[in-house]
C-alpha atoms as a PDB file:
ATOM      1  CA  MET A   1     205.372 158.081  24.280  1.00  0.00           C
ATOM      2  CA  ASP A   2     205.994 157.250  27.921  1.00  0.00           C
ATOM      3  CA  ILE A   3     208.771 158.711  30.078  1.00  0.00           C
ATOM      4  CA  ARG A   4     209.826 155.160  30.985  1.00  0.00           C
ATOM      5  CA  GLU A   5     211.046 154.784  27.393  1.00  0.00           C
ATOM      6  CA  PHE A   6     213.958 157.109  28.111  1.00  0.00           C
ATOM      7  CA  LEU A   7     214.239 157.311  31.908  1.00  0.00           C
ATOM      8  CA  ALA A   8     215.421 154.229  33.819  1.00  0.00           C
ATOM      9  CA  PRO A   9     215.148 153.868  37.609  1.00  0.00           C
ATOM     10  CA  SER A  10     218.960 153.650  37.742  1.00  0.00           C
ATOM     11  CA  ASP A  11     219.167 157.147  36.223  1.00  0.00           C
ATOM     12  CA  VAL A  12     217.229 158.809  39.049  1.00  0.00           C
ATOM     13  CA  PHE A  13     219.120 160.434  41.921  1.00  0.00           C
ATOM     14  CA  VAL A  14     217.991 161.866  45.252  1.00  0.00           C
ATOM     15  CA  GLY A  15     220.039 164.223  47.405  1.00  0.00           C
ATOM     16  CA  ILE A  16     222.439 165.461  44.739  1.00  0.00           C
ATOM     17  CA  ARG A  17     224.519 168.386  45.912  1.00  0.00           C
ATOM     18  CA  GLY A  18     225.247 171.260  43.587  1.00  0.00           C
ATOM     19  CA  SER A  19     226.978 174.422  44.669  1.00  0.00           C
ATOM     20  CA  ASN A  20     226.173 176.145  41.378  1.00  0.00           C
ATOM     21  CA  LYS A  21     224.505 175.539  38.038  1.00  0.00           C
ATOM     22  CA  THR A  22     227.652 174.794  36.038  1.00  0.00           C
ATOM     23  CA  LEU A  23     229.098 172.328  38.551  1.00  0.00           C
ATOM     24  CA  LEU A  24     225.741 170.589  38.865  1.00  0.00           C
ATOM     25  CA  LEU A  25     225.383 170.256  35.092  1.00  0.00           C
ATOM     26  CA  GLU A  26     228.942 168.912  34.821  1.00  0.00           C
ATOM     27  CA  ASP A  27     228.139 166.287  37.469  1.00  0.00           C
ATOM     28  CA  LEU A  28     224.888 165.247  35.780  1.00  0.00           C
ATOM     29  CA  CYS A  29     226.602 165.073  32.375  1.00  0.00           C
ATOM     30  CA  ARG A  30     229.297 162.783  33.810  1.00  0.00           C
ATOM     31  CA  ARG A  31     226.599 160.513  35.215  1.00  0.00           C
ATOM     32  CA  ALA A  32     224.780 160.444  31.868  1.00  0.00           C
ATOM     33  CA  ALA A  33     228.016 159.810  29.970  1.00  0.00           C
ATOM     34  CA  SER A  34     228.802 156.884  32.244  1.00  0.00           C
ATOM     35  CA  ALA A  35     225.358 155.352  31.670  1.00  0.00           C
ATOM     36  CA  LEU A  36     225.601 155.859  27.906  1.00  0.00           C
ATOM     37  CA  LYS A  37     229.311 155.069  27.571  1.00  0.00           C
ATOM     38  CA  VAL A  38     229.967 158.325  25.679  1.00  0.00           C
ATOM     39  CA  ASP A  39     232.348 161.255  26.144  1.00  0.00           C
ATOM     40  CA  ALA A  40     231.375 163.305  29.197  1.00  0.00           C
ATOM     41  CA  ASP A  41     233.208 166.405  27.946  1.00  0.00           C
ATOM     42  CA  LYS A  42     231.184 166.425  24.719  1.00  0.00           C
ATOM     43  CA  ILE A  43     227.879 166.109  26.585  1.00  0.00           C
ATOM     44  CA  THR A  44     228.901 168.821  29.045  1.00  0.00           C
ATOM     45  CA  ALA A  45     229.982 171.178  26.257  1.00  0.00           C
ATOM     46  CA  ASP A  46     226.701 170.714  24.375  1.00  0.00           C
ATOM     47  CA  ILE A  47     224.561 171.121  27.503  1.00  0.00           C
ATOM     48  CA  LEU A  48     226.416 174.286  28.538  1.00  0.00           C
ATOM     49  CA  LYS A  49     226.201 175.655  24.981  1.00  0.00           C
ATOM     50  CA  ARG A  50     222.417 175.115  25.024  1.00  0.00           C
ATOM     51  CA  GLU A  51     222.223 176.792  28.417  1.00  0.00           C
ATOM     52  CA  GLU A  52     223.936 179.875  26.934  1.00  0.00           C
ATOM     53  CA  LEU A  53     220.958 180.281  24.575  1.00  0.00           C
ATOM     54  CA  GLY A  54     218.734 180.758  27.597  1.00  0.00           C
ATOM     55  CA  SER A  55     218.209 179.060  30.904  1.00  0.00           C
ATOM     56  CA  THR A  56     216.385 175.759  30.881  1.00  0.00           C
ATOM     57  CA  GLY A  57     215.009 176.623  34.322  1.00  0.00           C
ATOM     58  CA  VAL A  58     211.327 176.469  33.417  1.00  0.00           C
ATOM     59  CA  GLY A  59     209.975 177.766  36.724  1.00  0.00           C
ATOM     60  CA  GLY A  60     208.547 176.288  39.863  1.00  0.00           C
ATOM     61  CA  GLY A  61     211.944 174.976  40.961  1.00  0.00           C
ATOM     62  CA  VAL A  62     212.306 172.806  37.840  1.00  0.00           C
ATOM     63  CA  ALA A  63     214.980 172.770  35.132  1.00  0.00           C
ATOM     64  CA  ILE A  64     215.105 170.683  31.952  1.00  0.00           C
ATOM     65  CA  PRO A  65     218.603 171.046  30.522  1.00  0.00           C
ATOM     66  CA  HIS A  66     218.706 169.350  27.131  1.00  0.00           C
ATOM     67  CA  ALA A  67     220.847 169.050  24.036  1.00  0.00           C
ATOM     68  CA  ARG A  68     221.261 167.067  20.857  1.00  0.00           C
ATOM     69  CA  ILE A  69     224.266 164.749  21.156  1.00  0.00           C
ATOM     70  CA  ALA A  70     225.904 163.037  18.161  1.00  0.00           C
ATOM     71  CA  ASP A  71     226.599 159.752  19.985  1.00  0.00           C
ATOM     72  CA  VAL A  72     223.075 159.428  21.379  1.00  0.00           C
ATOM     73  CA  LYS A  73     220.817 157.225  19.245  1.00  0.00           C
ATOM     74  CA  ARG A  74     217.559 157.642  21.186  1.00  0.00           C
ATOM     75  CA  PRO A  75     216.312 160.018  23.885  1.00  0.00           C
ATOM     76  CA  PHE A  76     217.972 159.528  27.283  1.00  0.00           C
ATOM     77  CA  GLY A  77     216.905 161.062  30.574  1.00  0.00           C
ATOM     78  CA  LEU A  78     218.462 161.541  33.977  1.00  0.00           C
ATOM     79  CA  LEU A  79     216.459 162.935  36.884  1.00  0.00           C
ATOM     80  CA  ALA A  80     217.942 164.531  39.992  1.00  0.00           C
ATOM     81  CA  ARG A  81     216.350 165.960  43.090  1.00  0.00           C
ATOM     82  CA  LEU A  82     218.866 168.245  44.756  1.00  0.00           C
ATOM     83  CA  LYS A  83     219.716 168.273  48.445  1.00  0.00           C
ATOM     84  CA  GLY A  84     219.166 172.029  48.369  1.00  0.00           C
ATOM     85  CA  ALA A  85     217.827 174.348  45.681  1.00  0.00           C
ATOM     86  CA  ILE A  86     220.356 176.338  43.648  1.00  0.00           C
ATOM     87  CA  GLU A  87     220.275 179.459  41.494  1.00  0.00           C
ATOM     88  CA  PHE A  88     219.636 178.412  37.878  1.00  0.00           C
ATOM     89  CA  ASP A  89     218.657 181.667  36.133  1.00  0.00           C
ATOM     90  CA  ALA A  90     215.143 180.225  35.869  1.00  0.00           C
ATOM     91  CA  ILE A  91     212.399 182.095  34.085  1.00  0.00           C
ATOM     92  CA  ASP A  92     210.681 182.861  37.408  1.00  0.00           C
ATOM     93  CA  ARG A  93     214.013 183.654  39.145  1.00  0.00           C
ATOM     94  CA  GLU A  94     213.302 180.916  41.714  1.00  0.00           C
ATOM     95  CA  PRO A  95     216.021 178.423  42.689  1.00  0.00           C
ATOM     96  CA  VAL A  96     215.845 174.915  41.223  1.00  0.00           C
ATOM     97  CA  ASP A  97     215.702 171.612  43.093  1.00  0.00           C
ATOM     98  CA  LEU A  98     214.387 169.237  40.385  1.00  0.00           C
ATOM     99  CA  VAL A  99     216.518 168.744  37.273  1.00  0.00           C
ATOM    100  CA  PHE A 100     215.682 166.502  34.336  1.00  0.00           C
ATOM    101  CA  LEU A 101     218.673 166.206  31.987  1.00  0.00           C
ATOM    102  CA  LEU A 102     217.474 165.148  28.531  1.00  0.00           C
ATOM    103  CA  LEU A 103     219.852 164.065  25.778  1.00  0.00           C
ATOM    104  CA  LEU A 104     218.486 163.750  22.273  1.00  0.00           C
ATOM    105  CA  PRO A 105     219.892 162.353  19.004  1.00  0.00           C
ATOM    106  CA  THR A 106     221.121 164.893  16.467  1.00  0.00           C
ATOM    107  CA  ALA A 107     218.930 163.538  13.669  1.00  0.00           C
ATOM    108  CA  PRO A 108     215.674 165.488  13.575  1.00  0.00           C
ATOM    109  CA  ALA A 109     212.679 163.375  14.506  1.00  0.00           C
ATOM    110  CA  GLY A 110     209.305 163.968  16.081  1.00  0.00           C
ATOM    111  CA  GLU A 111     210.191 161.501  18.834  1.00  0.00           C
ATOM    112  CA  GLN A 112     212.778 163.945  20.186  1.00  0.00           C
ATOM    113  CA  LEU A 113     210.381 166.845  20.479  1.00  0.00           C
ATOM    114  CA  ASN A 114     207.787 164.490  21.911  1.00  0.00           C
ATOM    115  CA  ALA A 115     210.273 163.480  24.623  1.00  0.00           C
ATOM    116  CA  LEU A 116     211.022 167.100  25.490  1.00  0.00           C
ATOM    117  CA  ALA A 117     207.353 168.039  25.472  1.00  0.00           C
ATOM    118  CA  LEU A 118     206.478 165.029  27.626  1.00  0.00           C
ATOM    119  CA  VAL A 119     209.081 165.938  30.239  1.00  0.00           C
ATOM    120  CA  ALA A 120     207.959 169.580  30.238  1.00  0.00           C
ATOM    121  CA  ARG A 121     204.287 168.630  30.581  1.00  0.00           C
ATOM    122  CA  THR A 122     205.015 166.083  33.308  1.00  0.00           C
ATOM    123  CA  LEU A 123     207.045 168.570  35.336  1.00  0.00           C
ATOM    124  CA  ARG A 124     204.389 171.279  34.952  1.00  0.00           C
ATOM    125  CA  ASP A 125     201.882 169.065  36.745  1.00  0.00           C
ATOM    126  CA  ALA A 126     201.703 170.387  40.330  1.00  0.00           C
ATOM    127  CA  ASP A 127     200.707 167.012  41.792  1.00  0.00           C
ATOM    128  CA  THR A 128     203.652 165.255  40.096  1.00  0.00           C
ATOM    129  CA  VAL A 129     206.128 167.866  41.315  1.00  0.00           C
ATOM    130  CA  ARG A 130     204.722 167.669  44.833  1.00  0.00           C
ATOM    131  CA  LYS A 131     205.083 163.855  44.799  1.00  0.00           C
ATOM    132  CA  ALA A 132     208.601 164.161  43.413  1.00  0.00           C
ATOM    133  CA  ARG A 133     209.625 166.500  46.208  1.00  0.00           C
ATOM    134  CA  ARG A 134     208.047 164.275  48.870  1.00  0.00           C
ATOM    135  CA  ALA A 135     209.512 161.014  47.553  1.00  0.00           C
ATOM    136  CA  LYS A 136     211.593 159.333  50.224  1.00  0.00           C
ATOM    137  CA  ASP A 137     213.994 157.644  47.830  1.00  0.00           C
ATOM    138  CA  GLN A 138     215.048 157.023  44.239  1.00  0.00           C
ATOM    139  CA  SER A 139     212.232 154.562  43.496  1.00  0.00           C
ATOM    140  CA  GLY A 140     209.611 156.965  44.867  1.00  0.00           C
ATOM    141  CA  LEU A 141     210.968 159.792  42.736  1.00  0.00           C
ATOM    142  CA  TYR A 142     210.960 157.580  39.654  1.00  0.00           C
ATOM    143  CA  ALA A 143     207.397 156.458  40.385  1.00  0.00           C
ATOM    144  CA  ALA A 144     206.187 160.061  40.726  1.00  0.00           C
ATOM    145  CA  LEU A 145     207.190 160.824  37.131  1.00  0.00           C
ATOM    146  CA  ALA A 146     206.486 157.414  35.623  1.00  0.00           C
ATOM    147  CA  ASP A 147     202.952 157.336  37.062  1.00  0.00           C
ATOM    148  CA  MET A 148     202.085 160.748  35.595  1.00  0.00           C
ATOM    149  CA  SER A 149     203.662 159.856  32.274  1.00  0.00           C
ATOM    150  CA  GLY A 150     201.720 156.600  32.128  1.00  0.00           C
ATOM    151  CA  ARG A 151     198.432 158.395  32.813  1.00  0.00           C
ATOM    152  CA  GLY A 152     199.100 160.962  30.110  1.00  0.00           C
ATOM    153  CA  ALA A 153     200.794 158.705  27.554  1.00  0.00           C
ATOM    154  CA  LYS A 154     197.691 158.444  25.373  1.00  0.00           C
ATOM    155  CA  ARG A 155     197.342 162.225  25.079  1.00  0.00           C
ATOM    156  CA  SER A 156     198.995 164.049  22.226  1.00  0.00           C
ATOM    157  CA  VAL A 157     202.335 165.594  23.043  1.00  0.00           C
ATOM    158  CA  SER A 158     202.797 168.641  20.866  1.00  0.00           C
ATOM    159  CA  GLY A 159     203.124 172.353  21.076  1.00  0.00           C
ATOM    160  CA  TYR A 160     206.186 172.681  23.319  1.00  0.00           C
ATOM    161  CA  GLY A 161     207.737 175.985  22.358  1.00  0.00           C
ATOM    162  CA  GLY A 162     211.159 175.531  23.958  1.00  0.00           C
ATOM    163  CA  GLN A 163     214.395 175.728  22.007  1.00  0.00           C
ATOM    164  CA  THR A 164     216.211 172.506  21.285  1.00  0.00           C
END
Protein backbone atom coordinates (compact mmCIF):
# COMPACT_ATOMS: atom_id res chain seq x y z
CA MET A 1 0.00 0.00 0.00
CA ASP A 2 1.14 3.52 -0.81
CA ILE A 3 0.00 6.68 0.97
CA ARG A 4 -0.93 8.16 -2.42
CA GLU A 5 -3.79 5.65 -2.54
CA PHE A 6 -5.65 7.58 0.15
CA LEU A 7 -4.00 11.01 0.31
CA ALA A 8 -4.49 13.41 -2.62
CA PRO A 9 -2.44 16.60 -3.10
CA SER A 10 -5.69 18.58 -2.79
CA ASP A 11 -6.15 17.19 0.74
CA VAL A 12 -2.88 18.62 2.05
CA PHE A 13 -2.89 21.97 3.86
CA VAL A 14 -0.09 24.25 5.05
CA GLY A 15 -0.49 27.00 7.63
CA ILE A 16 -3.71 25.79 9.24
CA ARG A 17 -4.54 27.68 12.40
CA GLY A 18 -5.93 25.87 15.40
CA SER A 19 -6.48 27.50 18.74
CA ASN A 20 -7.17 24.15 20.41
CA LYS A 21 -7.45 20.46 19.65
CA THR A 22 -11.24 20.29 19.39
CA LEU A 23 -11.58 23.31 17.09
CA LEU A 24 -8.76 22.03 14.90
CA LEU A 25 -10.34 18.58 14.60
CA GLU A 26 -13.72 20.15 13.77
CA ASP A 27 -12.07 22.20 11.00
CA LEU A 28 -10.24 19.19 9.56
CA CYS A 29 -13.41 17.07 9.70
CA ARG A 30 -15.32 19.75 7.77
CA ARG A 31 -12.61 19.77 5.12
CA ALA A 32 -12.69 15.97 4.87
CA ALA A 33 -16.49 15.93 4.73
CA SER A 34 -16.44 18.44 1.90
CA ALA A 35 -13.96 16.33 -0.09
CA LEU A 36 -15.94 13.15 0.53
CA LYS A 37 -19.41 14.70 0.27
CA VAL A 38 -20.47 13.21 3.62
CA ASP A 39 -21.91 14.64 6.84
CA ALA A 40 -19.31 16.72 8.67
CA ASP A 41 -21.09 16.37 12.02
CA LYS A 42 -20.93 12.57 11.83
CA ILE A 43 -17.21 12.60 11.02
CA THR A 44 -16.53 15.10 13.80
CA ALA A 45 -18.52 13.09 16.34
CA ASP A 46 -16.67 9.87 15.46
CA ILE A 47 -13.24 11.53 15.50
CA LEU A 48 -13.92 13.18 18.87
CA LYS A 49 -15.30 9.91 20.27
CA ARG A 50 -12.09 8.12 19.21
CA GLU A 51 -10.04 10.90 20.78
CA GLU A 52 -11.83 10.29 24.10
CA LEU A 53 -10.37 6.76 24.14
CA GLY A 54 -6.91 8.29 24.24
CA SER A 55 -5.06 11.00 22.41
CA THR A 56 -3.93 10.25 18.89
CA GLY A 57 -0.95 12.53 19.48
CA VAL A 58 1.76 9.95 18.84
CA GLY A 59 4.72 12.11 19.87
CA GLY A 60 7.29 14.22 18.14
CA GLY A 61 4.73 16.90 17.29
CA VAL A 62 2.61 14.47 15.25
CA ALA A 63 -1.03 13.42 15.65
CA ILE A 64 -2.97 10.81 13.66
CA PRO A 65 -6.64 11.25 14.54
CA HIS A 66 -8.61 8.43 12.95
CA ALA A 67 -12.01 6.80 13.01
CA ARG A 68 -14.19 4.33 11.17
CA ILE A 69 -16.94 6.17 9.29
CA ALA A 70 -20.04 4.45 7.88
CA ASP A 71 -20.18 6.54 4.69
CA VAL A 72 -16.50 6.05 3.85
CA LYS A 73 -15.89 3.20 1.40
CA ARG A 74 -12.07 3.28 1.32
CA PRO A 75 -9.37 4.90 3.44
CA PHE A 76 -9.19 8.70 3.12
CA GLY A 77 -6.46 10.97 4.42
CA LEU A 78 -6.07 14.67 5.04
CA LEU A 79 -2.74 16.15 6.08
CA ALA A 80 -2.28 19.51 7.80
CA ARG A 81 0.80 21.36 8.93
CA LEU A 82 -0.25 23.92 11.50
CA LYS A 83 0.83 27.55 11.57
CA GLY A 84 1.76 27.03 15.21
CA ALA A 85 1.90 23.92 17.38
CA ILE A 86 -1.02 23.28 19.74
CA GLU A 87 -1.60 21.21 22.87
CA PHE A 88 -2.96 17.80 21.82
CA ASP A 89 -2.54 15.64 24.94
CA ALA A 90 0.17 13.77 23.03
CA ILE A 91 1.90 10.78 24.54
CA ASP A 92 5.11 12.80 24.99
CA ARG A 93 3.20 15.90 26.20
CA GLU A 94 4.71 17.93 23.34
CA PRO A 95 2.52 20.23 21.23
CA VAL A 96 1.49 19.04 17.76
CA ASP A 97 2.10 20.76 14.43
CA LEU A 98 1.59 17.88 11.96
CA VAL A 99 -1.83 16.23 11.83
CA PHE A 100 -2.85 13.38 9.55
CA LEU A 101 -6.62 12.80 9.73
CA LEU A 102 -7.42 9.26 8.59
CA LEU A 103 -10.96 8.08 7.90
CA LEU A 104 -11.54 4.37 7.47
CA PRO A 105 -14.54 2.28 6.36
CA THR A 106 -16.51 0.54 9.09
CA ALA A 107 -16.17 -2.90 7.51
CA PRO A 108 -13.15 -4.67 8.99
CA ALA A 109 -10.39 -5.21 6.46
CA GLY A 110 -6.64 -5.52 6.55
CA GLU A 111 -6.37 -2.56 4.17
CA GLN A 112 -7.62 -0.24 6.92
CA LEU A 113 -5.03 -1.30 9.45
CA ASN A 114 -2.40 -1.20 6.73
CA ALA A 115 -3.35 2.42 6.02
CA LEU A 116 -3.09 3.36 9.69
CA ALA A 117 0.18 1.51 10.11
CA LEU A 118 1.60 3.11 6.96
CA VAL A 119 0.76 6.61 8.17
CA ALA A 120 2.20 5.88 11.62
CA ARG A 121 5.41 4.44 10.16
CA THR A 122 5.78 7.29 7.68
CA LEU A 123 5.36 9.93 10.38
CA ARG A 124 7.81 8.16 12.71
CA ASP A 125 10.56 8.61 10.13
CA ALA A 126 12.65 11.58 11.34
CA ASP A 127 13.78 12.54 7.82
CA THR A 128 10.18 12.58 6.53
CA VAL A 129 8.98 14.72 9.43
CA ARG A 130 11.89 17.11 8.97
CA LYS A 131 11.07 17.45 5.24
CA ALA A 132 7.40 17.94 6.06
CA ARG A 133 8.19 20.76 8.46
CA ARG A 134 10.56 22.42 5.98
CA ALA A 135 8.23 22.15 2.99
CA LYS A 136 7.52 25.58 1.55
CA ASP A 137 4.06 24.75 0.26
CA GLN A 138 1.31 22.17 -0.13
CA SER A 139 3.05 20.27 -2.94
CA GLY A 140 6.30 20.06 -0.95
CA LEU A 141 4.45 18.73 2.08
CA TYR A 142 2.66 16.15 -0.05
CA ALA A 143 5.94 15.10 -1.67
CA ALA A 144 7.62 14.63 1.73
CA LEU A 145 5.09 11.95 2.70
CA ALA A 146 4.51 10.46 -0.75
CA ASP A 147 8.25 9.99 -1.34
CA MET A 148 8.73 8.12 1.95
CA SER A 149 5.63 6.04 1.35
CA GLY A 150 6.80 5.13 -2.14
CA ARG A 151 10.20 4.03 -0.83
CA GLY A 152 8.64 1.87 1.86
CA ALA A 153 5.63 0.59 -0.09
CA LYS A 154 7.20 -2.82 -0.73
CA ARG A 155 7.85 -3.43 2.97
CA SER A 156 5.27 -5.20 5.07
CA VAL A 157 3.00 -2.93 7.04
CA SER A 158 1.93 -4.76 10.17
CA GLY A 159 2.24 -4.60 13.89
CA TYR A 160 0.74 -1.17 14.59
CA GLY A 161 -0.63 -1.41 18.10
CA GLY A 162 -2.85 1.68 18.09
CA GLN A 163 -6.57 1.55 18.77
CA THR A 164 -8.91 1.97 15.85
